Amino acid sequence: MTTFKKQFVEGSRYNLFFESFTGDVSELEAPVNTVKISVTTDSDSIFVLVTREEDNNTLFNFEIPYSIISQNTAFGDQTLWAIKDSCVKNKRADGNPESYVLTEQDIINVGATTLVSKDSRIFKEEYNNYYSPIRIFVPSKTSTIDDLTIMFIDDLPRDTPVITVFETNPSTTDVLASWKDLLATITVTGPTSIGPDETVDLNVTCSDTSVTEIFVEPVIGATNKTRVIMNNGQGTLKVNTFGLSSGDNIDIKFGYKYFSGISRYTKTVS
């Protein structure tokens, strides 16, 4: 079992998840709370237990079946999932030791619903309240529950949000400046030169060999496919320069279904 203690200082809107309060968050005068977050898994589910250290009161006790993610229509490589605020707020344990088993309606693929180029500060009321602090990162469509990364996001007011990462069996608890640090890198290579009206092969490499497909967005230049099927981190596609002249720049973006623009290939036609 992994246990992490995180303090929420006065004025944090996440205090709304730990103290009964109605009104404007700026009026919040709740005392500093220390919470303990324990994350465990079995072969089928993730279990998240959040207790308040001051009185050892159970605040949240969630069972998250992996099937509600893996069988979701928005399931894919390199996806980030959040428990909806409505679930977090309405399913407070309030001392009840019994766990609440989440359903597909209680979670959301963050990249499928909001501006994926931004960071965790976008999860605010105007974005349908998907800003609960519990997140699950899925590396690929072939991932098992042991491959997941579970995060508890501290979104206190600061320039850079701090995200605390729990892996299922970590030796230490890591801290990331951004959840985007978990995204696998994409590298694209091609020939040393490309002429006008020419077709060449590009090699696509993903740092996570479990990723199943890379999505392609040609900006300048034509490609023979808009997604590359990956095999052990490798894939290929063709790009042609029909209609381009010497001096024009080929520009092709590469990314994932729910997070585009991870990498781009550029080359000057010569």
C-alpha atoms as a PDB file:
ATOM      1  CA  MET A   1       0.000   0.000   0.000  1.00  0.00           C
ATOM      2  CA  THR A   2       1.265   3.453  -0.913  1.00  0.00           C
ATOM      3  CA  THR A   3       0.432   6.274   1.480  1.00  0.00           C
ATOM      4  CA  PHE A   4       1.164   9.923   0.759  1.00  0.00           C
ATOM      5  CA  LYS A   5       0.454  12.909   2.988  1.00  0.00           C
ATOM      6  CA  LYS A   6      -0.445  16.169   1.301  1.00  0.00           C
ATOM      7  CA  GLN A   7      -1.336  19.416   3.024  1.00  0.00           C
ATOM      8  CA  PHE A   8      -4.039  21.733   1.724  1.00  0.00           C
ATOM      9  CA  VAL A   9      -3.519  25.280   2.927  1.00  0.00           C
ATOM     10  CA  GLU A  10      -6.258  27.760   3.757  1.00  0.00           C
ATOM     11  CA  GLY A  11      -7.840  29.150   0.599  1.00  0.00           C
ATOM     12  CA  SER A  12      -7.295  26.117  -1.605  1.00  0.00           C
ATOM     13  CA  ARG A  13     -10.452  25.287  -3.529  1.00  0.00           C
ATOM     14  CA  TYR A  14      -9.666  21.614  -2.904  1.00  0.00           C
ATOM     15  CA  ASN A  15     -10.673  22.246   0.683  1.00  0.00           C
ATOM     16  CA  LEU A  16     -14.177  22.045  -0.761  1.00  0.00           C
ATOM     17  CA  PHE A  17     -13.603  18.336  -1.136  1.00  0.00           C
ATOM     18  CA  PHE A  18     -12.600  17.887   2.489  1.00  0.00           C
ATOM     19  CA  GLU A  19     -14.739  20.275   4.514  1.00  0.00           C
ATOM     20  CA  SER A  20     -18.470  20.918   4.327  1.00  0.00           C
ATOM     21  CA  PHE A  21     -18.790  24.385   2.811  1.00  0.00           C
ATOM     22  CA  THR A  22     -21.226  26.392   0.738  1.00  0.00           C
ATOM     23  CA  GLY A  23     -20.454  29.783  -0.741  1.00  0.00           C
ATOM     24  CA  ASP A  24     -17.601  31.457  -2.532  1.00  0.00           C
ATOM     25  CA  VAL A  25     -14.230  29.746  -2.220  1.00  0.00           C
ATOM     26  CA  SER A  26     -12.586  33.094  -1.408  1.00  0.00           C
ATOM     27  CA  GLU A  27     -14.596  33.124   1.832  1.00  0.00           C
ATOM     28  CA  LEU A  28     -13.236  29.765   2.914  1.00  0.00           C
ATOM     29  CA  GLU A  29     -11.732  29.777   6.378  1.00  0.00           C
ATOM     30  CA  ALA A  30     -11.266  26.060   6.825  1.00  0.00           C
ATOM     31  CA  PRO A  31      -8.276  24.988   8.917  1.00  0.00           C
ATOM     32  CA  VAL A  32      -5.252  23.383   7.314  1.00  0.00           C
ATOM     33  CA  ASN A  33      -6.015  19.732   6.627  1.00  0.00           C
ATOM     34  CA  THR A  34      -3.593  16.878   6.248  1.00  0.00           C
ATOM     35  CA  VAL A  35      -4.972  14.010   4.225  1.00  0.00           C
ATOM     36  CA  LYS A  36      -3.625  10.529   3.673  1.00  0.00           C
ATOM     37  CA  ILE A  37      -4.103   9.024   0.226  1.00  0.00           C
ATOM     38  CA  SER A  38      -3.706   5.269  -0.093  1.00  0.00           C
ATOM     39  CA  VAL A  39      -3.773   3.647  -3.511  1.00  0.00           C
ATOM     40  CA  THR A  40      -3.870  -0.115  -4.015  1.00  0.00           C
ATOM     41  CA  THR A  41      -4.809  -2.382  -6.890  1.00  0.00           C
ATOM     42  CA  ASP A  42      -5.798  -5.913  -7.631  1.00  0.00           C
ATOM     43  CA  SER A  43      -6.077  -7.533 -11.060  1.00  0.00           C
ATOM     44  CA  ASP A  44      -9.362  -5.768 -11.822  1.00  0.00           C
ATOM     45  CA  SER A  45      -9.678  -2.524  -9.849  1.00  0.00           C
ATOM     46  CA  ILE A  46      -7.946   0.497  -8.367  1.00  0.00           C
ATOM     47  CA  PHE A  47      -8.791   1.376  -4.768  1.00  0.00           C
ATOM     48  CA  VAL A  48      -8.393   4.965  -3.567  1.00  0.00           C
ATOM     49  CA  LEU A  49      -8.837   5.670   0.126  1.00  0.00           C
ATOM     50  CA  VAL A  50      -8.584   9.254   1.373  1.00  0.00           C
ATOM     51  CA  THR A  51      -8.688   9.944   5.097  1.00  0.00           C
ATOM     52  CA  ARG A  52      -8.264  13.111   7.162  1.00  0.00           C
ATOM     53  CA  GLU A  53      -5.327  12.709   9.510  1.00  0.00           C
ATOM     54  CA  GLU A  54      -6.718  14.936  12.256  1.00  0.00           C
ATOM     55  CA  ASP A  55      -9.523  12.534  13.109  1.00  0.00           C
ATOM     56  CA  ASN A  56      -8.787   9.569  10.800  1.00  0.00           C
ATOM     57  CA  ASN A  57     -12.172  10.172   9.204  1.00  0.00           C
ATOM     58  CA  THR A  58     -12.762   8.459   5.845  1.00  0.00           C
ATOM     59  CA  LEU A  59     -13.409  11.131   3.221  1.00  0.00           C
ATOM     60  CA  PHE A  60     -13.438   9.069   0.022  1.00  0.00           C
ATOM     61  CA  ASN A  61     -13.324   5.348  -0.485  1.00  0.00           C
ATOM     62  CA  PHE A  62     -13.502   4.565  -4.190  1.00  0.00           C
ATOM     63  CA  GLU A  63     -13.233   1.331  -6.114  1.00  0.00           C
ATOM     64  CA  ILE A  64     -12.449   2.062  -9.768  1.00  0.00           C
ATOM     65  CA  PRO A  65     -12.894  -1.011 -11.999  1.00  0.00           C
ATOM     66  CA  TYR A  66     -10.362  -0.820 -14.824  1.00  0.00           C
ATOM     67  CA  SER A  67     -13.061  -2.056 -17.184  1.00  0.00           C
ATOM     68  CA  ILE A  68     -14.895   1.300 -17.025  1.00  0.00           C
ATOM     69  CA  ILE A  69     -11.772   2.806 -18.620  1.00  0.00           C
ATOM     70  CA  SER A  70     -10.610  -0.006 -20.904  1.00  0.00           C
ATOM     71  CA  GLN A  71     -14.097  -0.548 -22.342  1.00  0.00           C
ATOM     72  CA  ASN A  72     -14.905   3.149 -22.649  1.00  0.00           C
ATOM     73  CA  THR A  73     -15.486   4.452 -26.177  1.00  0.00           C
ATOM     74  CA  ALA A  74     -12.829   7.141 -25.522  1.00  0.00           C
ATOM     75  CA  PHE A  75     -10.171   4.594 -24.504  1.00  0.00           C
ATOM     76  CA  GLY A  76      -6.851   5.014 -26.284  1.00  0.00           C
ATOM     77  CA  ASP A  77      -3.085   5.344 -26.081  1.00  0.00           C
ATOM     78  CA  GLN A  78      -1.635   8.000 -23.775  1.00  0.00           C
ATOM     79  CA  THR A  79      -4.931   9.005 -22.187  1.00  0.00           C
ATOM     80  CA  LEU A  80      -5.605  10.840 -18.942  1.00  0.00           C
ATOM     81  CA  TRP A  81      -8.758  10.041 -16.971  1.00  0.00           C
ATOM     82  CA  ALA A  82     -10.381  11.984 -14.146  1.00  0.00           C
ATOM     83  CA  ILE A  83     -13.081  11.208 -11.639  1.00  0.00           C
ATOM     84  CA  LYS A  84     -15.811  13.770 -12.227  1.00  0.00           C
ATOM     85  CA  ASP A  85     -16.387  16.439  -9.632  1.00  0.00           C
ATOM     86  CA  SER A  86     -20.011  15.428  -9.375  1.00  0.00           C
ATOM     87  CA  CYS A  87     -18.896  11.995  -8.220  1.00  0.00           C
ATOM     88  CA  VAL A  88     -16.280  13.306  -5.797  1.00  0.00           C
ATOM     89  CA  LYS A  89     -18.647  15.840  -4.256  1.00  0.00           C
ATOM     90  CA  ASN A  90     -21.724  13.628  -4.119  1.00  0.00           C
ATOM     91  CA  LYS A  91     -20.040  10.387  -3.046  1.00  0.00           C
ATOM     92  CA  ARG A  92     -18.155  11.647  -0.025  1.00  0.00           C
ATOM     93  CA  ALA A  93     -17.742   8.819   2.440  1.00  0.00           C
ATOM     94  CA  ASP A  94     -18.359  11.059   5.479  1.00  0.00           C
ATOM     95  CA  GLY A  95     -16.958   8.374   7.724  1.00  0.00           C
ATOM     96  CA  ASN A  96     -18.688   5.458   6.006  1.00  0.00           C
ATOM     97  CA  PRO A  97     -16.058   2.712   5.582  1.00  0.00           C
ATOM     98  CA  GLU A  98     -17.933   1.110   2.673  1.00  0.00           C
ATOM     99  CA  SER A  99     -16.394   1.790  -0.744  1.00  0.00           C
ATOM    100  CA  TYR A 100     -18.273   3.332  -3.660  1.00  0.00           C
ATOM    101  CA  VAL A 101     -17.803   1.437  -6.928  1.00  0.00           C
ATOM    102  CA  LEU A 102     -17.473   3.887  -9.811  1.00  0.00           C
ATOM    103  CA  THR A 103     -19.332   3.447 -13.091  1.00  0.00           C
ATOM    104  CA  GLU A 104     -18.506   4.697 -16.589  1.00  0.00           C
ATOM    105  CA  GLN A 105     -20.633   7.798 -15.914  1.00  0.00           C
ATOM    106  CA  ASP A 106     -18.314   8.803 -13.048  1.00  0.00           C
ATOM    107  CA  ILE A 107     -15.144   9.207 -15.124  1.00  0.00           C
ATOM    108  CA  ILE A 108     -14.025  11.276 -18.082  1.00  0.00           C
ATOM    109  CA  ASN A 109     -11.213  11.184 -20.634  1.00  0.00           C
ATOM    110  CA  VAL A 110      -9.753  14.637 -20.051  1.00  0.00           C
ATOM    111  CA  GLY A 111      -8.259  14.931 -23.531  1.00  0.00           C
ATOM    112  CA  ALA A 112     -11.570  14.113 -25.172  1.00  0.00           C
ATOM    113  CA  THR A 113     -13.409  16.982 -23.517  1.00  0.00           C
ATOM    114  CA  THR A 114     -11.130  19.976 -23.125  1.00  0.00           C
ATOM    115  CA  LEU A 115      -8.131  21.874 -24.490  1.00  0.00           C
ATOM    116  CA  VAL A 116      -5.372  19.296 -24.275  1.00  0.00           C
ATOM    117  CA  SER A 117      -2.608  21.792 -24.953  1.00  0.00           C
ATOM    118  CA  LYS A 118      -3.161  23.386 -21.539  1.00  0.00           C
ATOM    119  CA  ASP A 119      -2.155  22.130 -18.117  1.00  0.00           C
ATOM    120  CA  SER A 120      -4.139  21.085 -15.058  1.00  0.00           C
ATOM    121  CA  ARG A 121      -5.198  24.658 -14.285  1.00  0.00           C
ATOM    122  CA  ILE A 122      -7.850  24.403 -17.010  1.00  0.00           C
ATOM    123  CA  PHE A 123      -9.980  22.034 -14.952  1.00  0.00           C
ATOM    124  CA  LYS A 124     -12.324  24.722 -13.657  1.00  0.00           C
ATOM    125  CA  GLU A 125     -16.034  25.349 -13.531  1.00  0.00           C
ATOM    126  CA  GLU A 126     -16.235  26.694 -17.080  1.00  0.00           C
ATOM    127  CA  TYR A 127     -14.841  23.374 -18.318  1.00  0.00           C
ATOM    128  CA  ASN A 128     -17.684  21.353 -16.792  1.00  0.00           C
ATOM    129  CA  ASN A 129     -16.009  20.870 -13.396  1.00  0.00           C
ATOM    130  CA  TYR A 130     -13.677  18.063 -14.372  1.00  0.00           C
ATOM    131  CA  TYR A 131     -11.054  19.210 -11.897  1.00  0.00           C
ATOM    132  CA  SER A 132     -11.216  16.619  -9.154  1.00  0.00           C
ATOM    133  CA  PRO A 133      -7.737  15.854  -7.876  1.00  0.00           C
ATOM    134  CA  ILE A 134      -7.724  12.140  -8.744  1.00  0.00           C
ATOM    135  CA  ARG A 135      -6.282  11.261 -12.173  1.00  0.00           C
ATOM    136  CA  ILE A 136      -5.341   8.002 -13.941  1.00  0.00           C
ATOM    137  CA  PHE A 137      -2.846   7.917 -16.817  1.00  0.00           C
ATOM    138  CA  VAL A 138      -3.097   5.001 -19.275  1.00  0.00           C
ATOM    139  CA  PRO A 139       0.048   4.470 -21.417  1.00  0.00           C
ATOM    140  CA  SER A 140      -1.572   2.425 -24.199  1.00  0.00           C
ATOM    141  CA  LYS A 141      -4.560   0.407 -25.319  1.00  0.00           C
ATOM    142  CA  THR A 142      -2.666  -2.749 -24.348  1.00  0.00           C
ATOM    143  CA  SER A 143      -1.951  -1.561 -20.782  1.00  0.00           C
ATOM    144  CA  THR A 144      -2.907  -3.725 -17.845  1.00  0.00           C
ATOM    145  CA  ILE A 145      -3.806  -2.296 -14.476  1.00  0.00           C
ATOM    146  CA  ASP A 146      -0.176  -2.685 -13.367  1.00  0.00           C
ATOM    147  CA  ASP A 147       0.931  -0.261 -16.106  1.00  0.00           C
ATOM    148  CA  LEU A 148      -1.216   2.643 -14.952  1.00  0.00           C
ATOM    149  CA  THR A 149      -0.015   5.758 -13.163  1.00  0.00           C
ATOM    150  CA  ILE A 150      -2.360   7.166 -10.528  1.00  0.00           C
ATOM    151  CA  MET A 151      -2.046  10.835  -9.590  1.00  0.00           C
ATOM    152  CA  PHE A 152      -3.400  13.118  -6.935  1.00  0.00           C
ATOM    153  CA  ILE A 153      -3.137  16.683  -8.227  1.00  0.00           C
ATOM    154  CA  ASP A 154      -2.418  19.594  -5.926  1.00  0.00           C
ATOM    155  CA  ASP A 155      -3.842  22.648  -7.673  1.00  0.00           C
ATOM    156  CA  LEU A 156      -3.075  25.273  -5.088  1.00  0.00           C
ATOM    157  CA  PRO A 157      -2.564  28.776  -6.522  1.00  0.00           C
ATOM    158  CA  ARG A 158       0.937  28.918  -8.022  1.00  0.00           C
ATOM    159  CA  ASP A 159       2.583  29.443 -11.362  1.00  0.00           C
ATOM    160  CA  THR A 160       3.191  25.746 -11.956  1.00  0.00           C
ATOM    161  CA  PRO A 161       0.824  23.095 -10.571  1.00  0.00           C
ATOM    162  CA  VAL A 162       2.487  20.255  -8.688  1.00  0.00           C
ATOM    163  CA  ILE A 163       1.281  16.744  -9.428  1.00  0.00           C
ATOM    164  CA  THR A 164       2.017  13.924  -7.046  1.00  0.00           C
ATOM    165  CA  VAL A 165       2.340  10.566  -8.764  1.00  0.00           C
ATOM    166  CA  PHE A 166       1.613   7.209  -7.223  1.00  0.00           C
ATOM    167  CA  GLU A 167       2.595   4.236  -9.278  1.00  0.00           C
ATOM    168  CA  THR A 168       1.024   0.962  -8.283  1.00  0.00           C
ATOM    169  CA  ASN A 169       4.149  -0.351  -6.570  1.00  0.00           C
ATOM    170  CA  PRO A 170       6.606   2.536  -6.237  1.00  0.00           C
ATOM    171  CA  SER A 171       9.664   2.594  -4.026  1.00  0.00           C
ATOM    172  CA  THR A 172       9.230   6.358  -3.682  1.00  0.00           C
ATOM    173  CA  THR A 173       6.564   8.924  -4.471  1.00  0.00           C
ATOM    174  CA  ASP A 174       7.555  11.059  -7.478  1.00  0.00           C
ATOM    175  CA  VAL A 175       6.532  14.649  -8.098  1.00  0.00           C
ATOM    176  CA  LEU A 176       6.021  16.029 -11.601  1.00  0.00           C
ATOM    177  CA  ALA A 177       5.800  19.631 -12.717  1.00  0.00           C
ATOM    178  CA  SER A 178       3.154  18.531 -15.226  1.00  0.00           C
ATOM    179  CA  TRP A 179       1.272  15.346 -16.048  1.00  0.00           C
ATOM    180  CA  LYS A 180       2.432  15.892 -19.629  1.00  0.00           C
ATOM    181  CA  ASP A 181       5.853  14.653 -18.500  1.00  0.00           C
ATOM    182  CA  LEU A 182       4.290  11.186 -18.625  1.00  0.00           C
ATOM    183  CA  LEU A 183       3.593  11.409 -22.362  1.00  0.00           C
ATOM    184  CA  ALA A 184       5.827   9.238 -24.524  1.00  0.00           C
ATOM    185  CA  THR A 185       8.082  11.063 -26.984  1.00  0.00           C
ATOM    186  CA  ILE A 186       7.768  10.643 -30.753  1.00  0.00           C
ATOM    187  CA  THR A 187      10.776  10.880 -33.076  1.00  0.00           C
ATOM    188  CA  VAL A 188      10.455  11.118 -36.869  1.00  0.00           C
ATOM    189  CA  THR A 189      13.363  10.716 -39.273  1.00  0.00           C
ATOM    190  CA  GLY A 190      13.658  10.759 -43.063  1.00  0.00           C
ATOM    191  CA  PRO A 191      16.152  11.130 -45.902  1.00  0.00           C
ATOM    192  CA  THR A 192      18.793  13.826 -45.869  1.00  0.00           C
ATOM    193  CA  SER A 193      17.135  15.583 -48.815  1.00  0.00           C
ATOM    194  CA  ILE A 194      13.742  15.620 -50.551  1.00  0.00           C
ATOM    195  CA  GLY A 195      13.145  17.069 -53.984  1.00  0.00           C
ATOM    196  CA  PRO A 196       9.981  18.376 -55.668  1.00  0.00           C
ATOM    197  CA  ASP A 197       7.439  15.786 -56.845  1.00  0.00           C
ATOM    198  CA  GLU A 198       9.112  13.051 -54.816  1.00  0.00           C
ATOM    199  CA  THR A 199       7.779  10.349 -52.482  1.00  0.00           C
ATOM    200  CA  VAL A 200       9.907   9.240 -49.523  1.00  0.00           C
ATOM    201  CA  ASP A 201       9.557   7.072 -46.411  1.00  0.00           C
ATOM    202  CA  LEU A 202       9.536   8.501 -42.896  1.00  0.00           C
ATOM    203  CA  ASN A 203      10.414   6.393 -39.866  1.00  0.00           C
ATOM    204  CA  VAL A 204       8.365   6.988 -36.715  1.00  0.00           C
ATOM    205  CA  THR A 205       9.672   5.921 -33.297  1.00  0.00           C
ATOM    206  CA  CYS A 206       7.778   6.098 -29.994  1.00  0.00           C
ATOM    207  CA  SER A 207       9.632   5.923 -26.673  1.00  0.00           C
ATOM    208  CA  ASP A 208       6.831   3.753 -25.243  1.00  0.00           C
ATOM    209  CA  THR A 209       6.924   0.507 -27.199  1.00  0.00           C
ATOM    210  CA  SER A 210       3.409  -0.404 -26.034  1.00  0.00           C
ATOM    211  CA  VAL A 211       1.775   2.499 -27.929  1.00  0.00           C
ATOM    212  CA  THR A 212      -0.358   1.047 -30.731  1.00  0.00           C
ATOM    213  CA  GLU A 213      -0.818   4.001 -33.115  1.00  0.00           C
ATOM    214  CA  ILE A 214       0.448   7.486 -33.883  1.00  0.00           C
ATOM    215  CA  PHE A 215      -1.848  10.076 -35.451  1.00  0.00           C
ATOM    216  CA  VAL A 216      -0.593  12.167 -38.370  1.00  0.00           C
ATOM    217  CA  GLU A 217      -1.617  15.716 -39.283  1.00  0.00           C
ATOM    218  CA  PRO A 218      -0.035  16.936 -42.537  1.00  0.00           C
ATOM    219  CA  VAL A 219       0.241  20.734 -42.665  1.00  0.00           C
ATOM    220  CA  ILE A 220       2.393  21.074 -45.779  1.00  0.00           C
ATOM    221  CA  GLY A 221       3.009  17.963 -47.872  1.00  0.00           C
ATOM    222  CA  ALA A 222       0.813  14.923 -48.423  1.00  0.00           C
ATOM    223  CA  THR A 223       0.956  11.621 -46.537  1.00  0.00           C
ATOM    224  CA  ASN A 224      -0.402   8.208 -47.472  1.00  0.00           C
ATOM    225  CA  LYS A 225      -2.072   7.726 -44.083  1.00  0.00           C
ATOM    226  CA  THR A 226      -3.367   9.754 -41.150  1.00  0.00           C
ATOM    227  CA  ARG A 227      -2.359   7.219 -38.538  1.00  0.00           C
ATOM    228  CA  VAL A 228       0.668   4.973 -38.237  1.00  0.00           C
ATOM    229  CA  ILE A 229       0.233   1.510 -36.745  1.00  0.00           C
ATOM    230  CA  MET A 230       3.142   0.930 -34.364  1.00  0.00           C
ATOM    231  CA  ASN A 231       4.966  -2.351 -33.811  1.00  0.00           C
ATOM    232  CA  ASN A 232       7.297  -2.414 -30.813  1.00  0.00           C
ATOM    233  CA  GLY A 233       7.709   1.347 -30.982  1.00  0.00           C
ATOM    234  CA  GLN A 234       8.335   1.533 -34.740  1.00  0.00           C
ATOM    235  CA  GLY A 235       6.264   2.542 -37.743  1.00  0.00           C
ATOM    236  CA  THR A 236       6.568   4.067 -41.222  1.00  0.00           C
ATOM    237  CA  LEU A 237       4.615   6.280 -43.595  1.00  0.00           C
ATOM    238  CA  LYS A 238       5.160   7.945 -46.952  1.00  0.00           C
ATOM    239  CA  VAL A 239       5.200  11.664 -47.647  1.00  0.00           C
ATOM    240  CA  ASN A 240       5.199  13.243 -51.095  1.00  0.00           C
ATOM    241  CA  THR A 241       6.016  16.720 -52.295  1.00  0.00           C
ATOM    242  CA  PHE A 242       3.715  16.865 -55.324  1.00  0.00           C
ATOM    243  CA  GLY A 243       2.965  20.501 -56.086  1.00  0.00           C
ATOM    244  CA  LEU A 244       5.790  21.792 -53.891  1.00  0.00           C
ATOM    245  CA  SER A 245       8.807  23.670 -55.199  1.00  0.00           C
ATOM    246  CA  SER A 246      12.409  23.990 -54.047  1.00  0.00           C
ATOM    247  CA  GLY A 247      12.477  26.166 -50.951  1.00  0.00           C
ATOM    248  CA  ASP A 248       9.033  25.088 -49.713  1.00  0.00           C
ATOM    249  CA  ASN A 249       8.960  23.547 -46.247  1.00  0.00           C
ATOM    250  CA  ILE A 250       7.350  20.185 -45.494  1.00  0.00           C
ATOM    251  CA  ASP A 251       5.526  20.336 -42.142  1.00  0.00           C
ATOM    252  CA  ILE A 252       3.822  17.284 -40.588  1.00  0.00           C
ATOM    253  CA  LYS A 253       2.578  16.940 -37.005  1.00  0.00           C
ATOM    254  CA  PHE A 254       2.566  13.683 -35.020  1.00  0.00           C
ATOM    255  CA  GLY A 255       0.711  12.868 -31.823  1.00  0.00           C
ATOM    256  CA  TYR A 256      -1.911  10.751 -30.131  1.00  0.00           C
ATOM    257  CA  LYS A 257      -5.648  10.628 -30.687  1.00  0.00           C
ATOM    258  CA  TYR A 258      -6.386  12.763 -27.642  1.00  0.00           C
ATOM    259  CA  PHE A 259      -3.138  14.743 -27.506  1.00  0.00           C
ATOM    260  CA  SER A 260      -1.853  16.099 -30.794  1.00  0.00           C
ATOM    261  CA  GLY A 261       1.331  17.914 -31.735  1.00  0.00           C
ATOM    262  CA  ILE A 262       3.759  15.870 -29.650  1.00  0.00           C
ATOM    263  CA  SER A 263       6.307  16.060 -32.457  1.00  0.00           C
ATOM    264  CA  ARG A 264       6.610  17.519 -35.930  1.00  0.00           C
ATOM    265  CA  TYR A 265       8.691  16.733 -38.989  1.00  0.00           C
ATOM    266  CA  THR A 266       9.950  19.633 -41.069  1.00  0.00           C
ATOM    267  CA  LYS A 267      12.151  19.588 -44.146  1.00  0.00           C
ATOM    268  CA  THR A 268      12.977  22.085 -46.850  1.00  0.00           C
ATOM    269  CA  VAL A 269      12.361  20.810 -50.392  1.00  0.00           C
ATOM    270  CA  SER A 270      15.606  21.073 -52.330  1.00  0.00           C
END
